[in-house]
Protein backbone atom coordinates (compact mmCIF):
# COMPACT_ATOMS: atom_id res chain seq x y z
CA MET A 1 -0.69 -0.14 -0.45
CA SER A 2 1.50 3.84 -1.49
CA LEU A 3 2.24 6.36 1.81
CA GLY A 4 2.23 8.62 -0.94
CA PHE A 5 -0.80 10.51 0.56
CA LEU A 6 1.10 11.87 3.82
CA HIS A 7 2.77 14.08 1.52
CA LYS A 8 -0.51 16.05 0.47
CA TRP A 9 -0.96 16.17 4.49
CA SER A 10 0.35 19.55 6.28
CA THR A 11 2.65 19.97 8.20
CA LYS A 12 0.03 20.12 11.10
CA THR A 13 -1.99 17.02 10.46
CA LEU A 14 1.40 15.09 10.48
CA TYR A 15 2.23 16.63 13.53
CA ILE A 16 -1.22 16.28 15.45
CA VAL A 17 -1.21 12.11 14.05
CA ASN A 18 1.38 12.03 15.41
CA PHE A 19 0.54 12.71 18.30
CA LEU A 20 -3.04 10.65 18.57
CA LEU A 21 -1.51 7.72 17.56
CA PHE A 22 1.44 7.35 21.07
CA TYR A 23 -0.94 9.22 23.02
CA TYR A 24 -3.71 6.38 22.60
CA GLY A 25 -0.77 3.51 22.55
CA LEU A 26 0.23 5.44 25.53
CA LEU A 27 -3.41 4.98 27.39
CA PHE A 28 -4.13 1.84 26.14
CA PHE A 29 -0.91 0.61 27.67
CA CYS A 30 -2.05 2.23 31.03
CA VAL A 31 -5.88 0.14 30.22
CA LEU A 32 -3.62 -2.87 30.41
CA ASN A 33 -1.18 -2.46 33.19
CA GLY A 34 -4.01 -1.61 35.32
CA LYS A 35 -3.16 2.39 35.50
CA VAL A 36 -6.77 4.31 35.27
CA PHE A 37 -8.60 5.30 37.71
CA SER A 38 -11.57 4.20 36.98
CA LEU A 39 -10.89 0.38 36.31
CA VAL A 40 -9.30 0.76 40.08
CA HIS A 41 -10.60 3.84 42.50
CA PRO A 42 -7.14 4.00 45.10
CA LEU A 43 -7.56 3.93 48.39
CA TYR A 44 -3.70 5.57 49.41
CA PHE A 45 -1.28 7.08 47.10
CA ARG A 46 2.35 6.76 48.35
CA ASN A 47 5.19 9.17 49.59
CA THR A 48 7.33 11.31 47.37
CA ASP A 49 10.02 13.55 46.40
CA ASN A 50 8.33 15.39 43.72
CA LEU A 51 7.89 18.79 44.28
CA SER A 52 5.19 18.94 41.50
CA GLU A 53 3.06 16.50 43.18
CA ILE A 54 3.59 17.45 47.12
CA ALA A 55 2.03 20.28 45.95
CA LEU A 56 -0.63 18.42 45.16
CA ILE A 57 -0.88 16.49 48.31
CA LEU A 58 -0.25 20.18 50.08
CA LEU A 59 -3.28 20.86 48.07
CA GLY A 60 -5.46 17.78 49.81
CA ILE A 61 -5.87 16.87 45.94
CA PRO A 62 -5.47 13.67 46.47
CA GLN A 63 -6.68 12.92 49.56
CA TRP A 64 -10.63 14.69 47.84
CA PHE A 65 -10.50 12.17 44.76
CA VAL A 66 -10.03 8.75 47.78
CA SER A 67 -12.78 10.42 50.09
CA HIS A 68 -14.92 10.43 46.56
CA PRO A 69 -14.23 7.99 44.23
CA SER A 70 -16.75 8.04 42.19
CA PHE A 71 -15.33 10.63 40.61
CA PHE A 72 -12.60 9.18 40.06
CA ASN A 73 -14.26 8.04 36.49
CA LEU A 74 -14.00 11.55 34.93
CA LEU A 75 -10.91 11.61 35.38
CA ASP A 76 -10.52 9.37 32.84
CA VAL A 77 -13.23 10.92 30.77
CA GLY A 78 -11.08 13.92 30.63
CA ILE A 79 -7.51 12.15 29.63
CA PHE A 80 -9.57 9.82 26.78
CA PHE A 81 -11.95 12.71 25.33
CA PHE A 82 -10.27 16.16 25.65
CA PRO A 83 -7.89 15.37 22.60
CA ALA A 84 -11.05 14.88 20.37
CA LEU A 85 -12.35 18.31 21.65
CA VAL A 86 -9.14 20.34 21.04
CA PHE A 87 -8.69 18.33 17.49
CA CYS A 88 -12.39 18.99 16.21
CA TRP A 89 -11.70 22.78 17.47
CA TYR A 90 -8.85 23.05 15.10
CA TRP A 91 -10.69 20.63 12.38
CA ARG A 92 -13.74 23.38 12.25
CA LYS A 93 -12.28 26.62 12.86
CA LYS A 94 -9.17 25.90 11.35
CA LYS A 95 -6.99 26.78 14.07
CA PHE A 96 -6.54 26.27 17.95
CA SER A 97 -8.05 27.23 20.40
CA VAL A 98 -5.84 28.93 22.98
CA LEU A 99 -8.11 28.42 25.99
CA LEU A 100 -8.36 24.56 25.33
CA GLY A 101 -4.46 24.03 24.84
CA LEU A 102 -3.67 25.03 27.61
CA CYS A 103 -6.61 23.33 29.80
CA PHE A 104 -5.50 19.99 28.44
CA THR A 105 -1.79 20.91 29.16
CA VAL A 106 -2.28 21.24 32.24
CA PHE A 107 -5.29 18.61 32.85
CA PHE A 108 -2.68 15.89 31.33
CA PHE A 109 -0.21 17.04 33.77
CA LEU A 110 -1.99 16.91 37.09
CA TYR A 111 -3.99 13.08 35.58
CA PHE A 112 -0.13 11.76 34.87
CA LEU A 113 0.79 13.14 38.68
CA LEU A 114 -1.86 12.07 40.45
CA ASN A 115 -1.16 8.64 38.05
CA ASN A 116 2.20 8.37 40.10
CA LEU A 117 0.99 8.87 43.23
CA PHE A 118 -1.68 6.31 43.28
CA PHE A 119 -0.22 3.72 40.92
CA LEU A 120 3.91 4.52 40.28
CA ILE A 121 4.12 5.02 36.51
CA ALA A 122 8.13 6.06 33.93
CA LEU A 123 6.75 9.66 34.17
CA GLU A 124 9.93 10.24 31.89
CA GLY A 125 7.37 8.98 29.16
CA ILE A 126 4.99 11.56 29.53
CA ILE A 127 7.52 14.32 29.65
CA PRO A 128 8.39 14.45 25.99
CA ILE A 129 3.61 14.16 25.35
CA PHE A 130 3.23 17.35 27.96
CA PHE A 131 5.63 19.37 25.67
CA TYR A 132 4.61 18.42 22.57
CA THR A 133 0.65 19.11 23.64
CA LEU A 134 2.48 22.74 23.93
CA LEU A 135 1.87 22.70 20.24
CA PHE A 136 -1.44 22.87 20.47
CA TRP A 137 -1.61 27.04 21.06
CA ALA A 138 0.02 27.99 18.90
CA ASN A 139 -1.11 28.80 15.29
CA LYS A 140 1.17 32.06 14.81
CA GLU A 141 3.69 30.51 12.12
CA LYS A 142 6.32 31.84 14.39
CA ASN A 143 4.86 30.49 17.39
CA TRP A 144 4.05 26.77 16.03
CA ASN A 145 7.89 26.88 15.03
CA LEU A 146 8.66 28.00 19.20
CA GLY A 147 7.35 24.78 19.94
CA VAL A 148 8.32 22.68 17.32
CA ASN A 149 11.81 23.87 18.94
CA VAL A 150 11.07 22.98 22.17
CA VAL A 151 10.07 19.68 21.57
CA ARG A 152 12.98 18.93 19.94
CA TYR A 153 15.34 20.79 21.98
CA GLN A 154 14.07 18.40 24.99
CA LEU A 155 14.32 15.48 23.23
CA LEU A 156 18.10 16.60 22.25
CA TYR A 157 18.41 17.56 26.63
CA LEU A 158 17.36 13.96 27.09
CA MET A 159 19.11 12.18 25.00
CA PHE A 160 22.98 13.53 25.22
CA THR A 161 22.65 14.35 28.85
CA ALA A 162 21.80 10.70 29.98
CA GLY A 163 25.35 9.86 27.97
CA VAL A 164 26.82 12.91 29.64
CA TRP A 165 25.67 11.19 33.51
CA LYS A 166 27.19 8.03 32.12
CA VAL A 167 30.98 9.85 31.62
CA CYS A 168 30.50 11.65 34.78
CA ARG A 169 29.14 8.52 36.93
CA GLY A 170 32.86 7.31 35.50
CA ALA A 171 30.22 4.34 34.91
CA VAL A 172 31.48 4.21 30.90
CA PHE A 173 35.22 3.46 31.62
CA SER A 174 34.73 -0.24 34.11
CA THR A 175 34.85 -2.54 32.54
CA ASN A 176 31.19 -4.63 34.77
CA VAL A 177 29.19 -2.51 34.69
CA MET A 178 27.16 -3.40 31.58
CA SER A 179 27.77 -7.20 32.69
CA ASN A 180 26.00 -5.62 36.33
CA ILE A 181 22.95 -4.67 35.09
CA LEU A 182 21.95 -7.02 33.11
CA ILE A 183 21.98 -9.11 36.15
CA ALA A 184 20.03 -7.28 37.57
CA GLN A 185 17.20 -6.18 35.22
CA HIS A 186 17.07 -9.80 33.28
CA VAL A 187 17.01 -12.31 37.26
CA ASP A 188 13.68 -13.19 36.70
CA LEU A 189 14.19 -14.40 33.49
CA LEU A 190 18.06 -16.40 34.22
CA VAL A 191 17.27 -17.61 37.51
CA ASP A 192 15.48 -20.56 36.49
CA LYS A 193 16.45 -21.98 32.48
CA CYS A 194 15.25 -19.78 29.88
CA SER A 195 14.79 -20.62 26.49
CA PHE A 196 13.80 -17.95 24.27
CA PHE A 197 16.09 -16.61 22.11
CA GLN A 198 17.33 -13.35 23.43
CA CYS A 199 18.54 -15.30 26.85
CA GLY A 200 21.78 -16.82 25.31
CA ILE A 201 22.36 -13.54 24.51
CA TYR A 202 21.98 -11.74 27.85
CA GLU A 203 24.13 -14.83 29.09
CA TYR A 204 26.96 -14.17 26.72
CA LEU A 205 27.20 -11.02 27.67
CA ILE A 206 27.34 -11.53 31.77
CA GLU A 207 29.72 -13.84 30.93
CA HIS A 208 32.46 -11.72 28.68
CA PRO A 209 31.42 -8.50 30.44
CA THR A 210 34.53 -6.76 28.18
CA VAL A 211 32.26 -7.24 25.23
CA ALA A 212 28.78 -5.80 27.48
CA GLN A 213 30.63 -2.94 28.30
CA ILE A 214 31.55 -2.10 25.14
CA LEU A 215 27.95 -2.08 23.56
CA TYR A 216 27.32 0.29 26.89
CA ALA A 217 30.36 2.68 25.94
CA SER A 218 28.58 2.73 21.96
CA ALA A 219 25.30 3.60 23.61
CA THR A 220 26.66 6.95 25.91
CA GLY A 221 28.99 7.41 22.26
CA MET A 222 25.26 7.19 20.30
CA GLU A 223 23.90 9.58 23.26
CA LEU A 224 26.57 12.44 23.32
CA LEU A 225 26.61 11.89 19.02
CA PHE A 226 22.90 14.49 20.18
CA GLY A 227 24.72 16.86 21.18
CA ILE A 228 25.75 17.95 17.50
CA GLY A 229 21.81 19.18 17.47
CA PHE A 230 22.66 21.62 20.05
CA PHE A 231 24.41 23.46 16.59
CA THR A 232 22.94 22.74 13.88
CA LYS A 233 19.83 21.01 12.61
CA LYS A 234 21.88 19.36 9.54
CA TYR A 235 22.06 16.10 10.80
CA ASP A 236 18.92 15.88 12.23
CA LYS A 237 17.57 12.95 10.37
CA TRP A 238 20.34 11.20 10.55
CA LEU A 239 20.19 11.67 14.70
CA ALA A 240 16.00 10.43 14.19
CA ALA A 241 17.58 7.30 12.28
CA LEU A 242 20.41 7.27 15.13
CA LEU A 243 16.95 7.07 18.20
CA LEU A 244 14.78 4.57 16.38
CA LEU A 245 18.21 1.96 16.18
CA PHE A 246 18.58 3.06 20.07
CA ILE A 247 15.02 2.25 20.86
CA ILE A 248 15.35 -0.43 19.35
CA GLY A 249 18.77 -2.07 21.20
CA ASP A 250 17.32 -1.14 24.65
CA HIS A 251 14.25 -2.40 24.23
CA PHE A 252 16.41 -5.79 23.15
CA ILE A 253 19.00 -5.55 25.58
CA MET A 254 17.43 -4.41 28.24
CA ARG A 255 13.50 -4.48 27.62
CA ILE A 256 13.15 -1.44 28.41
CA PRO A 257 9.98 0.11 25.49
CA TYR A 258 11.34 3.68 25.09
CA TRP A 259 9.40 3.72 21.91
CA ILE A 260 7.55 7.10 23.01
CA LEU A 261 11.12 8.70 22.38
CA LEU A 262 9.55 8.48 18.35
CA LEU A 263 7.05 11.00 19.63
CA PRO A 264 9.13 13.94 19.38
CA ALA A 265 11.54 12.03 16.41
CA ILE A 266 9.37 14.02 14.34
CA THR A 267 10.62 17.16 15.32
CA LEU A 268 13.99 16.04 13.80
CA TRP A 269 12.04 14.35 10.46
CA LEU A 270 9.43 17.33 9.88
CA PRO A 271 11.73 20.23 11.50
CA LYS A 272 9.57 23.00 9.69
CA GLN A 273 6.88 23.66 8.22
CA ARG A 274 5.84 21.73 4.35
CA ASP A 275 3.03 24.47 3.90
CA LYS A 276 1.74 28.04 5.23
CA GLU A 277 -1.68 26.53 6.53
CA VAL A 278 -1.24 28.53 9.83
CA SER A 279 -3.93 30.55 10.61
CA PRO A 280 -1.71 34.69 10.96
CA ALA A 281 -4.14 34.42 14.43
CA ALA A 282 -2.35 34.32 17.72
């Protein structure tokens, strides 16, 4: 089946479709793992050192939901249907509603802070979506391009600082860091006889720490390469391909699904508008 029809779509439409695919993919993953409020009305929330979550606790918001459990359902209704309001307005009016876009960003932020308080999720996967929602306030071309740059730089910062962190803590220079990480990550598979093809790879890397460390250093080097993007956009498409390779490798070797990082990767592949479909309104 030809994908030539994609060339007929405006840049904004491609960004919106990209968002919807990953957004509802994330929600589907939450449903599968029982981390939506309508499936489980939680009775307590955990302690936290996150300042934003502490602020919610001080305001009494999670306590109020625990005392009024029927309102948990409204949170899920909002998170599933809020994008419909935002994009129906856009396709009807040919521009975004700044108020709706702002409300969606705030609601998304609060929903997943509460979700993390009650269910403990990986907020690292939520941050790219949060920054992406900033695009849905923008109608002027300069505001849209500013939003695209914010999403792009957040992705570059995330990847580059991950590499810097590995270098600064000296992990990349050790001889057995990667093999120890593999033992901790895959202990559930390795304690018993494992017939999966991947288990053979895990065992090989654990038994050959030098090879495992070379792999770790290579991944760190890939992360550091994203620093190039702070100085030029010339190599953005190469960085997008490198990101895809990194995510596939991380999923295969570490069983960590970082696929959500492909959401902001569109800013590396389509950094600028291809047309003038934006409204002159603010």
